Amino acid sequence: MIFRSRPAPADFTAALIDGPWSHRFVAARGLRFHAAMSGPEEGRLVVLLHGLPQHWWAMRHPLTALGAAGYRVAAVDLRGCGASDKPPEGYTLPMLARDVAGVIAALGRRSAVVVGQGVGGQVAWTMASRAPQALDAIVALACHHPGSLLPKRRVFTSPRAIGQVATLRSPRWARRLLPDPSFMSALLTTWVADPAVIDPVLAARYAEAMRIPYAPVKSAQVLRWATRPLLSAAHARFVRSVRMAAPVPVLQIQGDSDPVLRWRATRSGFLGGADYRFELLSAVGHLPTEEDGEFVSDLILEWLAERHLTP
């Protein structure tokens, strides 16, 4: 395999993409977190959490749609990602869940609807056991519940998907590959139902954010913890805790053409109880907000209205 020379490093402003939103930095838990904000200050707070190897920009469609509907929306960069701080430690789902609760408080709110895609969805689910007071409801996209006891080989669709995740879990390979626009484009096009939705400009934006120092390595640390098997007593305790969390309204959205996760293996009513809704999107892969962001946003708005979680 031939590798190109590494792209030059970028600073955190590489993640501050212009658009119909504002950029804000908030202090929480001793760190500085970046959020792209939209909607009126007085609206009900909705927090959007990206997956990997992306950053807040993956949630740009619901960011604008929910903001236009009157919600106060914050698309947050997780610890270690985008323009948020990248400390040496703390890249576990419990720590990330507490981070999000801290951001909600820093934004002057007691609670929020939390929408997460991929690892962001697992963070949202984890909040139900680590910061339940900060949750109004959960929307989880393209992810399996962190309390799933299925072997990982049964959650992933194919050996290729397992190999891709294994590569991205490695700090060495993540640091070398993720800043490369060609690799990023090749990766994302294999994760969607229609490769045409991943154009070179989109892939280049994600690759540029991975040129921010430490971003690829920290993304790998997050993914390594989120996809780890039950190897330790501490992790087993975590799985028990997220499975036993108090019920909270849950909307789970999966694509029927997801090339990474088997949608049947992701279906989970652990937290929703009687208020759990599962939506399977036709001809959508592993990146719903990229592939059909408008429909996903409409679905979230409809579901929130049904639960009287209005702006």
Protein backbone atom coordinates (compact mmCIF):
# COMPACT_ATOMS: atom_id res chain seq x y z
CA MET A 1 0.00 0.00 0.00
CA ILE A 2 1.32 3.45 -0.90
CA PHE A 3 0.68 6.32 1.47
CA ARG A 4 0.73 9.95 0.54
CA SER A 5 2.63 12.41 2.67
CA ARG A 6 0.64 13.57 5.66
CA PRO A 7 -1.40 16.75 5.19
CA ALA A 8 -0.24 19.78 7.16
CA PRO A 9 -1.85 20.18 10.62
CA ALA A 10 -4.83 22.51 11.03
CA ASP A 11 -6.01 24.45 14.06
CA PHE A 12 -9.45 24.19 15.68
CA THR A 13 -10.93 26.76 13.29
CA ALA A 14 -11.00 24.01 10.64
CA ALA A 15 -14.17 22.78 12.38
CA LEU A 16 -15.85 26.21 12.49
CA ILE A 17 -17.77 25.93 9.23
CA ASP A 18 -19.89 28.93 8.25
CA GLY A 19 -23.64 28.57 7.79
CA PRO A 20 -27.04 29.57 9.18
CA TRP A 21 -25.88 28.93 12.74
CA SER A 22 -23.54 30.50 15.27
CA HIS A 23 -20.51 28.99 16.95
CA ARG A 24 -20.23 28.98 20.72
CA PHE A 25 -17.70 27.66 23.22
CA VAL A 26 -18.87 26.62 26.67
CA ALA A 27 -16.91 25.56 29.75
CA ALA A 28 -17.98 22.32 31.37
CA ARG A 29 -16.17 19.80 33.60
CA GLY A 30 -12.92 21.71 33.27
CA LEU A 31 -12.93 21.59 29.46
CA ARG A 32 -13.99 23.83 26.59
CA PHE A 33 -16.65 22.40 24.30
CA HIS A 34 -17.66 23.71 20.90
CA ALA A 35 -21.28 23.82 19.79
CA ALA A 36 -22.94 25.10 16.64
CA MET A 37 -26.16 26.84 17.73
CA SER A 38 -29.44 27.61 16.02
CA GLY A 39 -32.99 28.56 16.98
CA PRO A 40 -34.38 31.01 19.52
CA GLU A 41 -32.77 31.30 22.95
CA GLU A 42 -36.06 30.54 24.70
CA GLY A 43 -36.79 27.30 22.78
CA ARG A 44 -36.64 23.83 24.29
CA LEU A 45 -33.04 22.62 24.13
CA VAL A 46 -32.11 19.82 21.72
CA VAL A 47 -28.51 18.58 21.79
CA LEU A 48 -27.14 16.86 18.68
CA LEU A 49 -24.20 14.44 18.98
CA HIS A 50 -22.23 13.29 15.95
CA GLY A 51 -20.77 9.89 15.20
CA LEU A 52 -17.23 8.97 14.18
CA PRO A 53 -15.14 9.80 12.22
CA GLN A 54 -17.23 12.95 11.91
CA HIS A 55 -17.82 16.05 14.01
CA TRP A 56 -20.76 18.40 14.66
CA TRP A 57 -21.19 19.19 10.95
CA ALA A 58 -22.70 15.71 10.46
CA MET A 59 -25.79 17.08 12.25
CA ARG A 60 -26.19 20.21 10.13
CA HIS A 61 -29.57 19.15 8.69
CA PRO A 62 -31.38 18.67 12.02
CA LEU A 63 -29.47 21.67 13.40
CA THR A 64 -31.16 24.00 10.94
CA ALA A 65 -34.52 22.21 10.66
CA LEU A 66 -35.14 21.97 14.41
CA GLY A 67 -33.90 25.52 14.91
CA ALA A 68 -36.33 26.78 12.26
CA ALA A 69 -39.13 24.93 14.10
CA GLY A 70 -38.44 26.94 17.26
CA TYR A 71 -36.14 24.65 19.23
CA ARG A 72 -32.86 25.87 20.69
CA VAL A 73 -30.39 23.48 19.08
CA ALA A 74 -26.77 22.76 19.97
CA ALA A 75 -24.71 20.48 17.72
CA VAL A 76 -21.84 19.62 20.06
CA ASP A 77 -18.35 18.35 19.30
CA LEU A 78 -17.64 15.47 21.67
CA ARG A 79 -14.54 15.50 23.83
CA GLY A 80 -11.53 14.97 21.56
CA CYS A 81 -13.39 15.86 18.36
CA GLY A 82 -13.78 18.90 16.13
CA ALA A 83 -13.15 22.18 17.94
CA SER A 84 -13.69 20.81 21.47
CA ASP A 85 -10.79 20.23 23.87
CA LYS A 86 -8.72 17.06 23.58
CA PRO A 87 -7.47 16.12 27.06
CA PRO A 88 -5.24 13.06 27.57
CA GLU A 89 -7.92 10.93 29.24
CA GLY A 90 -11.65 10.46 29.65
CA TYR A 91 -12.66 8.78 26.38
CA THR A 92 -15.27 6.43 27.79
CA LEU A 93 -19.02 6.46 27.30
CA PRO A 94 -19.69 7.34 30.97
CA MET A 95 -17.30 10.30 30.79
CA LEU A 96 -18.72 11.50 27.48
CA ALA A 97 -22.25 11.24 28.90
CA ARG A 98 -21.28 13.39 31.88
CA ASP A 99 -19.64 15.86 29.48
CA VAL A 100 -22.93 16.31 27.63
CA ALA A 101 -24.82 16.79 30.89
CA GLY A 102 -22.24 19.44 31.79
CA VAL A 103 -22.72 21.21 28.47
CA ILE A 104 -26.50 21.24 29.00
CA ALA A 105 -26.01 22.88 32.40
CA ALA A 106 -23.47 25.33 30.94
CA LEU A 107 -26.10 26.37 28.40
CA GLY A 108 -28.35 27.31 31.30
CA ARG A 109 -30.75 24.36 31.07
CA ARG A 110 -31.74 21.56 33.41
CA SER A 111 -32.41 19.03 30.66
CA ALA A 112 -32.58 18.49 26.92
CA VAL A 113 -33.69 16.15 24.19
CA VAL A 114 -30.49 14.38 23.12
CA VAL A 115 -30.13 13.17 19.53
CA GLY A 116 -27.10 11.06 18.72
CA GLN A 117 -25.78 9.25 15.65
CA GLY A 118 -23.39 6.30 15.92
CA VAL A 119 -21.21 6.75 19.00
CA GLY A 120 -23.23 9.90 19.74
CA GLY A 121 -26.32 7.70 20.09
CA GLN A 122 -24.51 5.44 22.53
CA VAL A 123 -23.56 8.52 24.56
CA ALA A 124 -27.23 9.54 24.64
CA TRP A 125 -28.27 6.10 25.88
CA THR A 126 -25.51 6.15 28.51
CA MET A 127 -26.83 9.45 29.87
CA ALA A 128 -29.94 7.60 31.09
CA SER A 129 -27.79 5.86 33.72
CA ARG A 130 -25.16 8.54 34.34
CA ALA A 131 -27.16 11.80 34.08
CA PRO A 132 -30.88 10.95 33.89
CA GLN A 133 -31.89 14.34 35.27
CA ALA A 134 -30.47 15.95 32.11
CA LEU A 135 -32.62 13.92 29.70
CA ASP A 136 -36.07 14.75 28.33
CA ALA A 137 -35.90 12.10 25.59
CA ILE A 138 -33.45 10.22 23.36
CA VAL A 139 -33.23 9.89 19.60
CA ALA A 140 -30.65 7.26 18.58
CA LEU A 141 -29.57 6.92 14.96
CA ALA A 142 -27.55 4.10 13.40
CA CYS A 143 -26.22 2.56 16.60
CA HIS A 144 -26.70 -0.37 18.93
CA HIS A 145 -27.46 0.08 22.61
CA PRO A 146 -24.27 -0.08 24.72
CA GLY A 147 -26.02 -2.64 26.93
CA SER A 148 -26.27 -5.15 24.09
CA LEU A 149 -24.80 -8.51 25.03
CA LEU A 150 -24.58 -9.75 21.45
CA PRO A 151 -21.05 -10.64 20.31
CA LYS A 152 -19.72 -7.83 18.11
CA ARG A 153 -19.45 -10.15 15.11
CA ARG A 154 -23.26 -10.52 15.23
CA VAL A 155 -23.82 -6.74 15.42
CA PHE A 156 -21.63 -5.88 12.44
CA THR A 157 -22.79 -6.79 8.95
CA SER A 158 -19.60 -8.27 7.50
CA PRO A 159 -15.89 -8.96 7.99
CA ARG A 160 -15.24 -5.76 6.03
CA ALA A 161 -17.19 -3.69 8.58
CA ILE A 162 -15.34 -5.38 11.43
CA GLY A 163 -12.04 -4.64 9.70
CA GLN A 164 -12.93 -0.98 9.14
CA VAL A 165 -13.83 -0.49 12.79
CA ALA A 166 -10.68 -2.32 13.89
CA THR A 167 -8.59 0.03 11.74
CA LEU A 168 -10.30 3.14 13.13
CA ARG A 169 -9.86 1.84 16.70
CA SER A 170 -6.09 1.92 16.23
CA PRO A 171 -4.57 5.32 17.15
CA ARG A 172 -1.65 4.62 14.81
CA TRP A 173 -3.83 3.94 11.77
CA ALA A 174 -6.38 6.61 12.64
CA ARG A 175 -3.62 9.23 12.83
CA ARG A 176 -2.25 8.16 9.48
CA LEU A 177 -5.46 7.62 7.52
CA LEU A 178 -8.25 9.89 8.77
CA PRO A 179 -6.64 13.24 7.73
CA ASP A 180 -6.37 11.93 4.15
CA PRO A 181 -9.36 13.14 2.06
CA SER A 182 -9.04 10.16 -0.28
CA PHE A 183 -9.25 7.67 2.56
CA MET A 184 -12.10 9.57 4.21
CA SER A 185 -14.05 9.59 0.95
CA ALA A 186 -13.43 5.88 0.37
CA LEU A 187 -14.50 5.05 3.93
CA LEU A 188 -17.70 7.11 3.97
CA THR A 189 -18.83 5.91 0.55
CA THR A 190 -18.77 2.32 1.86
CA TRP A 191 -20.99 3.33 4.81
CA VAL A 192 -23.92 4.72 2.82
CA ALA A 193 -26.55 3.10 0.63
CA ASP A 194 -25.83 5.45 -2.31
CA PRO A 195 -22.15 6.46 -2.65
CA ALA A 196 -23.18 9.54 -4.64
CA VAL A 197 -24.22 11.31 -1.42
CA ILE A 198 -20.57 11.48 -0.34
CA ASP A 199 -19.03 14.10 -2.59
CA PRO A 200 -15.34 15.08 -2.44
CA VAL A 201 -16.09 18.41 -0.71
CA LEU A 202 -18.00 16.70 2.11
CA ALA A 203 -15.25 14.12 2.68
CA ALA A 204 -12.60 16.85 2.58
CA ARG A 205 -14.38 18.76 5.38
CA TYR A 206 -14.26 15.75 7.67
CA ALA A 207 -10.65 15.01 6.74
CA GLU A 208 -9.65 18.62 7.42
CA ALA A 209 -11.12 18.43 10.95
CA MET A 210 -9.00 15.32 11.47
CA ARG A 211 -5.91 17.45 10.80
CA ILE A 212 -6.54 19.24 14.10
CA PRO A 213 -3.83 17.92 16.44
CA TYR A 214 -4.84 14.80 18.40
CA ALA A 215 -8.31 14.57 16.80
CA PRO A 216 -7.71 11.22 15.00
CA VAL A 217 -6.10 9.63 18.05
CA LYS A 218 -8.87 10.75 20.40
CA SER A 219 -11.54 9.54 17.97
CA ALA A 220 -9.82 6.15 17.99
CA GLN A 221 -9.88 6.11 21.80
CA VAL A 222 -13.61 6.84 21.85
CA LEU A 223 -14.34 4.14 19.29
CA ARG A 224 -12.11 1.63 21.06
CA TRP A 225 -14.05 2.01 24.30
CA ALA A 226 -17.48 2.09 22.64
CA THR A 227 -16.86 -1.16 20.75
CA ARG A 228 -14.94 -3.08 23.41
CA PRO A 229 -16.12 -6.57 24.40
CA LEU A 230 -16.91 -7.60 27.96
CA LEU A 231 -13.31 -8.07 29.06
CA SER A 232 -13.34 -6.51 32.51
CA ALA A 233 -15.49 -6.41 35.62
CA ALA A 234 -15.71 -2.61 35.31
CA HIS A 235 -17.10 -2.83 31.79
CA ALA A 236 -19.55 -5.54 32.83
CA ARG A 237 -20.81 -3.22 35.58
CA PHE A 238 -21.24 -0.47 33.00
CA VAL A 239 -23.33 -2.76 30.77
CA ARG A 240 -25.55 -3.73 33.71
CA SER A 241 -26.05 -0.09 34.66
CA VAL A 242 -27.13 1.06 31.19
CA ARG A 243 -29.50 -1.88 30.87
CA MET A 244 -31.14 -1.04 34.21
CA ALA A 245 -31.49 2.73 33.72
CA ALA A 246 -34.89 4.32 34.31
CA PRO A 247 -37.16 4.43 31.21
CA VAL A 248 -37.04 7.52 29.02
CA PRO A 249 -38.87 8.16 25.72
CA VAL A 250 -36.77 6.72 22.87
CA LEU A 251 -36.96 7.07 19.10
CA GLN A 252 -34.52 4.72 17.37
CA ILE A 253 -33.83 5.23 13.66
CA GLN A 254 -31.93 2.70 11.57
CA GLY A 255 -31.31 2.28 7.85
CA ASP A 256 -32.36 -0.96 6.17
CA SER A 257 -29.23 -0.82 3.98
CA ASP A 258 -26.70 -0.17 6.75
CA PRO A 259 -23.41 -1.74 5.60
CA VAL A 260 -21.88 -1.50 9.09
CA LEU A 261 -24.54 -2.66 11.59
CA ARG A 262 -27.26 -5.28 11.23
CA TRP A 263 -30.41 -3.31 11.90
CA ARG A 264 -32.19 -6.30 13.46
CA ALA A 265 -29.34 -6.63 15.97
CA THR A 266 -29.54 -2.95 16.91
CA ARG A 267 -33.24 -2.90 17.80
CA SER A 268 -33.47 -2.21 21.52
CA GLY A 269 -36.26 -1.21 23.87
CA PHE A 270 -34.07 -1.26 27.00
CA LEU A 271 -34.90 2.30 27.98
CA GLY A 272 -38.04 3.18 26.11
CA GLY A 273 -40.41 0.78 27.82
CA ALA A 274 -43.90 1.60 26.61
CA ASP A 275 -42.59 4.79 24.95
CA TYR A 276 -40.20 3.19 22.48
CA ARG A 277 -40.51 3.67 18.74
CA PHE A 278 -38.36 2.02 16.09
CA GLU A 279 -38.19 3.49 12.59
CA LEU A 280 -36.53 1.65 9.71
CA LEU A 281 -35.61 3.91 6.80
CA SER A 282 -35.67 2.48 3.29
CA ALA A 283 -32.51 2.68 1.17
CA VAL A 284 -30.53 4.37 3.96
CA GLY A 285 -27.17 3.19 5.27
CA HIS A 286 -25.05 4.02 8.31
CA LEU A 287 -25.15 7.83 8.01
CA PRO A 288 -28.86 8.81 8.08
CA THR A 289 -28.28 12.54 8.56
CA GLU A 290 -26.04 12.61 5.48
CA GLU A 291 -28.22 10.36 3.33
CA ASP A 292 -31.69 11.73 4.10
CA GLY A 293 -31.21 14.55 6.58
CA GLU A 294 -34.47 16.29 5.67
CA PHE A 295 -36.62 13.21 6.28
CA VAL A 296 -34.76 12.38 9.51
CA SER A 297 -35.35 15.92 10.77
CA ASP A 298 -39.06 15.74 9.91
CA LEU A 299 -39.34 12.39 11.69
CA ILE A 300 -37.73 13.80 14.84
CA LEU A 301 -40.03 16.84 14.79
CA GLU A 302 -43.11 14.65 14.38
CA TRP A 303 -42.06 12.36 17.22
CA LEU A 304 -41.32 15.27 19.56
CA ALA A 305 -44.71 16.82 18.81
CA GLU A 306 -46.46 13.49 19.58
CA ARG A 307 -44.79 13.52 23.02
CA HIS A 308 -45.69 17.17 23.61
CA LEU A 309 -42.00 18.02 23.70
CA THR A 310 -42.69 21.20 21.81
CA PRO A 311 -40.42 24.23 21.54
